[in-house]
Amino acid sequence: MLEALRYAAKAQDKLAFKISLISEFPDIPIISNAGIVMRPDSPHAPPDSFNYLAVIGGELQYLDLGYQGDKAYL
């Protein structure tokens, strides 16, 4: 999904959106179940600062392994 959005914005030759990884603990890297490590861009922002919010995650069986503050933010 992200690649399709990025390509669509590039085809229009303009910035159509900004992708940010936010977390309750922005200084702690997030590790996917595939072993990919990403550092969040920022802490949670006020929800009204977004036009859209896309949530990308893994299997629901792992939902409780994440930070409870991130879950509550959604």
Protein backbone atom coordinates (compact mmCIF):
# COMPACT_ATOMS: atom_id res chain seq x y z
CA MET A 1 0.00 0.00 0.00
CA LEU A 2 2.72 2.48 0.91
CA GLU A 3 4.59 1.88 -2.32
CA ALA A 4 1.45 2.54 -4.37
CA LEU A 5 0.83 5.83 -2.55
CA ARG A 6 4.46 6.89 -2.92
CA TYR A 7 4.44 6.10 -6.64
CA ALA A 8 1.16 7.99 -7.18
CA ALA A 9 2.60 11.09 -5.50
CA LYS A 10 5.79 10.84 -7.55
CA ALA A 11 3.80 10.50 -10.80
CA GLN A 12 1.98 13.75 -9.94
CA ASP A 13 5.36 15.38 -9.19
CA LYS A 14 4.08 16.94 -5.99
CA LEU A 15 3.95 16.15 -2.31
CA ALA A 16 0.51 14.66 -1.78
CA PHE A 17 1.01 13.24 1.68
CA LYS A 18 3.53 12.70 4.42
CA ILE A 19 4.22 9.32 5.95
CA SER A 20 5.14 9.31 9.63
CA LEU A 21 5.74 6.50 12.06
CA ILE A 22 4.50 7.65 15.46
CA SER A 23 4.71 5.90 18.80
CA GLU A 24 4.14 6.39 22.50
CA PHE A 25 7.91 5.92 22.89
CA PRO A 26 9.57 7.57 19.86
CA ASP A 27 13.10 6.89 21.14
CA ILE A 28 12.59 3.11 21.16
CA PRO A 29 12.91 1.33 17.79
CA ILE A 30 9.97 -0.76 16.63
CA ILE A 31 10.79 -4.28 15.45
CA SER A 32 8.46 -6.08 13.06
CA ASN A 33 7.83 -9.80 13.28
CA ALA A 34 9.99 -10.05 10.12
CA GLY A 35 12.90 -8.47 12.02
CA ILE A 36 12.76 -5.06 10.34
CA VAL A 37 13.76 -2.30 12.77
CA MET A 38 12.36 1.23 12.37
CA ARG A 39 12.69 4.24 14.63
CA PRO A 40 9.52 6.33 15.04
CA ASP A 41 9.58 9.87 13.65
CA SER A 42 7.76 11.46 16.56
CA PRO A 43 5.50 10.93 19.55
CA HIS A 44 1.74 10.95 19.15
CA ALA A 45 0.39 14.16 17.65
CA PRO A 46 -3.10 15.56 18.23
CA PRO A 47 -5.46 13.53 16.01
CA ASP A 48 -6.82 16.70 14.39
CA SER A 49 -3.38 17.36 12.89
CA PHE A 50 -4.02 14.51 10.42
CA ASN A 51 -6.37 14.38 7.44
CA TYR A 52 -6.03 10.60 7.27
CA LEU A 53 -4.58 7.95 9.50
CA ALA A 54 -3.52 4.59 8.10
CA VAL A 55 -2.69 1.81 10.48
CA ILE A 56 -0.39 -0.90 9.21
CA GLY A 57 0.27 -3.83 11.43
CA GLY A 58 0.72 -7.50 11.78
CA GLU A 59 -1.55 -10.30 12.85
CA LEU A 60 -4.19 -9.61 15.49
CA GLN A 61 -2.80 -12.38 17.70
CA TYR A 62 0.20 -10.09 18.38
CA LEU A 63 -1.86 -6.98 19.17
CA ASP A 64 -1.24 -7.18 22.92
CA LEU A 65 2.54 -7.27 22.40
CA GLY A 66 2.54 -3.62 21.30
CA TYR A 67 2.59 -0.55 23.53
CA GLN A 68 -0.74 -0.02 25.25
CA GLY A 69 -0.47 3.76 24.72
CA ASP A 70 -0.26 3.25 20.96
CA LYS A 71 -3.33 1.03 21.08
CA ALA A 72 -5.20 3.59 23.20
CA TYR A 73 -4.23 6.40 20.81
CA LEU A 74 -6.02 4.64 17.97
